[in-house]
N, C-alpha and C. Protein backbone atom coordinates (compact mmCIF):
# COMPACT_ATOMS: atom_id res chain seq x y z
N VAL A 1 0.52 -1.46 0.03
CA VAL A 1 0.07 0.06 0.01
C VAL A 1 0.83 1.29 -0.04
N ALA A 2 1.68 1.28 1.17
CA ALA A 2 2.98 2.24 0.99
C ALA A 2 3.62 2.98 0.08
N LYS A 3 4.04 1.28 -1.18
CA LYS A 3 4.39 1.91 -2.22
C LYS A 3 3.31 2.61 -3.51
N ASP A 4 2.57 1.72 -3.51
CA ASP A 4 1.14 2.22 -4.22
C ASP A 4 1.04 3.37 -4.46
N LEU A 5 1.17 3.70 -2.73
CA LEU A 5 0.56 5.49 -2.65
C LEU A 5 1.60 5.96 -2.82
N ALA A 6 2.91 5.69 -3.13
CA ALA A 6 3.83 6.33 -3.61
C ALA A 6 4.07 7.67 -1.66
N LEU A 7 3.83 6.96 -0.36
CA LEU A 7 4.16 6.99 0.60
C LEU A 7 4.87 6.65 1.55
N GLN A 8 5.62 7.37 2.70
CA GLN A 8 6.90 6.92 3.59
C GLN A 8 5.94 6.12 4.46
N LEU A 9 6.94 5.39 5.32
CA LEU A 9 5.92 4.20 5.96
C LEU A 9 5.64 5.43 7.26
N ALA A 10 6.09 5.83 7.75
CA ALA A 10 5.86 7.01 8.63
C ALA A 10 4.54 7.36 8.35
N VAL A 11 4.26 8.02 7.08
CA VAL A 11 2.89 8.77 6.69
C VAL A 11 1.81 7.55 7.08
N LEU A 12 1.73 6.48 6.87
CA LEU A 12 0.83 5.72 7.13
C LEU A 12 0.26 5.64 8.49
N ARG A 13 1.58 5.32 9.16
CA ARG A 13 1.44 5.22 10.63
C ARG A 13 0.78 6.79 11.41
N ASP A 14 1.33 7.83 10.97
CA ASP A 14 1.32 9.17 11.32
C ASP A 14 -0.46 9.36 10.96
N ARG A 15 -0.65 8.96 10.03
CA ARG A 15 -2.04 10.01 9.59
C ARG A 15 -2.87 8.39 10.07
N GLY A 16 -2.45 7.82 11.01
CA GLY A 16 -3.70 6.83 11.21
C GLY A 16 -4.71 6.13 10.05
N ALA A 17 -3.31 4.95 9.17
CA ALA A 17 -4.40 4.42 7.93
C ALA A 17 -5.01 3.37 8.28
N ARG A 18 -5.97 3.29 7.68
CA ARG A 18 -6.87 2.08 8.24
C ARG A 18 -7.48 0.99 6.84
N ILE A 19 -7.84 0.08 7.25
CA ILE A 19 -8.30 -0.70 6.12
C ILE A 19 -9.55 -0.78 7.18
N LEU A 20 -10.70 -0.67 5.79
CA LEU A 20 -12.33 -1.45 5.98
C LEU A 20 -12.88 -2.11 5.28
N ASP A 21 -13.62 -2.58 5.88
CA ASP A 21 -13.96 -4.17 5.51
C ASP A 21 -15.62 -4.13 5.18
N ARG A 22 -15.82 -4.66 4.47
CA ARG A 22 -17.59 -4.72 4.72
C ARG A 22 -18.00 -5.72 5.35
N GLY A 23 -19.14 -5.37 5.99
CA GLY A 23 -19.35 -6.28 7.33
C GLY A 23 -18.51 -6.11 8.80
N ARG A 24 -18.88 -7.37 9.47
CA ARG A 24 -18.05 -7.13 10.80
C ARG A 24 -16.89 -7.72 10.88
N THR A 25 -16.77 -8.62 10.32
CA THR A 25 -15.55 -9.33 10.03
C THR A 25 -14.59 -8.39 9.19
N ARG A 26 -12.99 -8.57 9.97
CA ARG A 26 -12.13 -8.40 9.73
C ARG A 26 -11.16 -8.36 9.02
N TYR A 27 -10.91 -8.65 7.61
CA TYR A 27 -10.23 -9.83 6.80
C TYR A 27 -8.88 -9.32 6.32
N PHE A 28 -8.74 -8.21 6.71
CA PHE A 28 -7.36 -7.24 5.97
C PHE A 28 -6.79 -6.71 7.23
N ALA A 29 -5.60 -6.55 6.89
CA ALA A 29 -4.70 -5.18 7.95
C ALA A 29 -3.85 -4.95 7.29
N LEU A 30 -2.98 -4.18 7.63
CA LEU A 30 -2.06 -2.97 7.19
C LEU A 30 -0.78 -3.22 8.21
N HIS A 31 0.13 -4.08 7.50
CA HIS A 31 1.08 -4.25 8.45
C HIS A 31 2.14 -2.92 8.61
N ALA A 32 2.35 -2.35 9.95
CA ALA A 32 2.73 -1.22 10.28
C ALA A 32 4.20 -1.05 9.81
N ASN A 33 4.86 -2.17 9.80
CA ASN A 33 6.25 -1.85 9.72
C ASN A 33 6.92 -2.01 8.23
N SER A 34 5.94 -2.30 7.35
CA SER A 34 6.00 -3.26 6.20
C SER A 34 5.14 -2.01 5.01
N GLY A 35 3.75 -1.95 4.90
CA GLY A 35 3.55 -0.87 4.50
C GLY A 35 2.14 -1.78 3.76
N HIS A 36 2.51 -3.26 3.99
CA HIS A 36 1.79 -4.30 3.07
C HIS A 36 0.37 -4.68 3.36
N LEU A 37 -0.48 -4.80 2.43
CA LEU A 37 -1.65 -5.10 3.42
C LEU A 37 -1.54 -6.82 3.29
N VAL A 38 -2.32 -7.32 4.50
CA VAL A 38 -2.12 -8.50 4.40
C VAL A 38 -3.53 -9.33 5.19
N THR A 39 -3.87 -10.29 4.95
CA THR A 39 -4.61 -11.31 5.93
C THR A 39 -5.08 -10.94 7.31
N ALA A 40 -5.93 -10.55 7.81
CA ALA A 40 -5.80 -10.34 9.25
C ALA A 40 -6.32 -11.81 10.24
N GLU A 41 -6.69 -12.83 9.30
CA GLU A 41 -6.91 -14.34 9.56
C GLU A 41 -7.32 -15.34 8.40
N ARG A 42 -6.90 -16.44 8.60
CA ARG A 42 -6.82 -17.41 7.44
C ARG A 42 -8.40 -17.40 7.19
N LEU A 43 -8.19 -16.83 5.36
CA LEU A 43 -9.66 -16.74 4.85
C LEU A 43 -9.62 -18.58 4.77
N ASP A 44 -11.15 -18.78 4.50
CA ASP A 44 -11.61 -20.01 4.00
C ASP A 44 -12.39 -19.94 2.72
N ARG A 45 -12.27 -20.28 1.53
CA ARG A 45 -12.96 -19.34 0.16
C ARG A 45 -13.86 -20.30 0.37
N GLU A 46 -14.37 -21.58 0.82
CA GLU A 46 -15.42 -22.08 0.70
C GLU A 46 -16.68 -21.59 1.79
N GLN A 47 -16.10 -20.95 3.06
CA GLN A 47 -17.10 -20.52 3.56
C GLN A 47 -17.22 -18.91 3.13
N LEU A 48 -16.48 -18.53 2.99
CA LEU A 48 -16.53 -17.20 2.14
C LEU A 48 -17.79 -17.14 1.09
N CYS A 49 -17.21 -18.01 -0.32
CA CYS A 49 -17.76 -17.70 -1.43
C CYS A 49 -18.70 -19.21 -1.59
N GLU A 50 -19.45 -19.64 -1.10
CA GLU A 50 -19.67 -20.96 -1.16
C GLU A 50 -20.77 -20.30 -2.28
N GLY A 51 -20.64 -21.76 -3.62
CA GLY A 51 -21.44 -21.84 -4.45
C GLY A 51 -21.16 -20.45 -5.58
N MET A 52 -20.18 -20.15 -5.18
CA MET A 52 -19.70 -18.76 -6.42
C MET A 52 -18.21 -19.27 -7.09
N GLN A 53 -18.25 -18.80 -8.22
CA GLN A 53 -17.42 -19.31 -8.96
C GLN A 53 -15.92 -18.11 -8.57
N ARG A 54 -16.59 -17.24 -8.75
CA ARG A 54 -15.33 -16.21 -8.89
C ARG A 54 -16.03 -15.64 -6.82
N CYS A 55 -14.29 -15.16 -6.61
CA CYS A 55 -14.62 -14.66 -5.28
C CYS A 55 -13.77 -13.88 -5.40
N VAL A 56 -14.91 -12.75 -4.66
CA VAL A 56 -13.79 -10.98 -4.75
C VAL A 56 -14.23 -10.68 -2.90
N LEU A 57 -13.52 -10.45 -2.18
CA LEU A 57 -13.57 -9.38 -1.25
C LEU A 57 -12.86 -8.23 -1.19
N ARG A 58 -13.53 -7.49 -1.04
CA ARG A 58 -13.33 -6.06 -1.36
C ARG A 58 -13.15 -5.15 0.33
N CYS A 59 -12.36 -4.09 0.29
CA CYS A 59 -11.76 -3.50 1.13
C CYS A 59 -11.31 -1.92 0.89
N GLU A 60 -11.21 -0.96 1.93
CA GLU A 60 -11.06 0.53 1.33
C GLU A 60 -9.75 1.14 2.50
N VAL A 61 -8.75 1.55 1.74
CA VAL A 61 -7.79 1.82 2.37
C VAL A 61 -7.73 3.48 2.74
N ILE A 62 -8.16 3.71 4.06
CA ILE A 62 -8.08 5.09 4.13
C ILE A 62 -7.02 5.64 4.83
N VAL A 63 -6.64 6.88 4.40
CA VAL A 63 -5.37 7.65 4.94
C VAL A 63 -5.98 9.33 5.37
N GLU A 64 -6.06 9.47 6.85
CA GLU A 64 -6.43 10.82 7.26
C GLU A 64 -5.50 11.75 6.67
N GLY A 65 -6.00 13.10 6.38
CA GLY A 65 -5.57 14.06 6.11
C GLY A 65 -5.31 14.38 4.67
N GLU A 66 -4.08 15.16 4.65
CA GLU A 66 -3.90 15.60 2.78
C GLU A 66 -3.14 14.48 2.68
N MET A 67 -2.99 14.53 1.27
CA MET A 67 -2.10 13.80 0.18
C MET A 67 -0.92 14.58 -0.63
């Protein structure tokens, strides 16, 4: 995320960057030391996308302040 947004890691930490997942379950997290988007827990495709051929999980990255 840091690389894709051309931001320093300190900017992500200082501006309170966060991941918004749909629903109640938090599937993704932002690794503070690397700026990588990581899974927050093990994902079970059969449970999440039962009966669907294509499985897509969407999330938003929010960075507070001006960029």
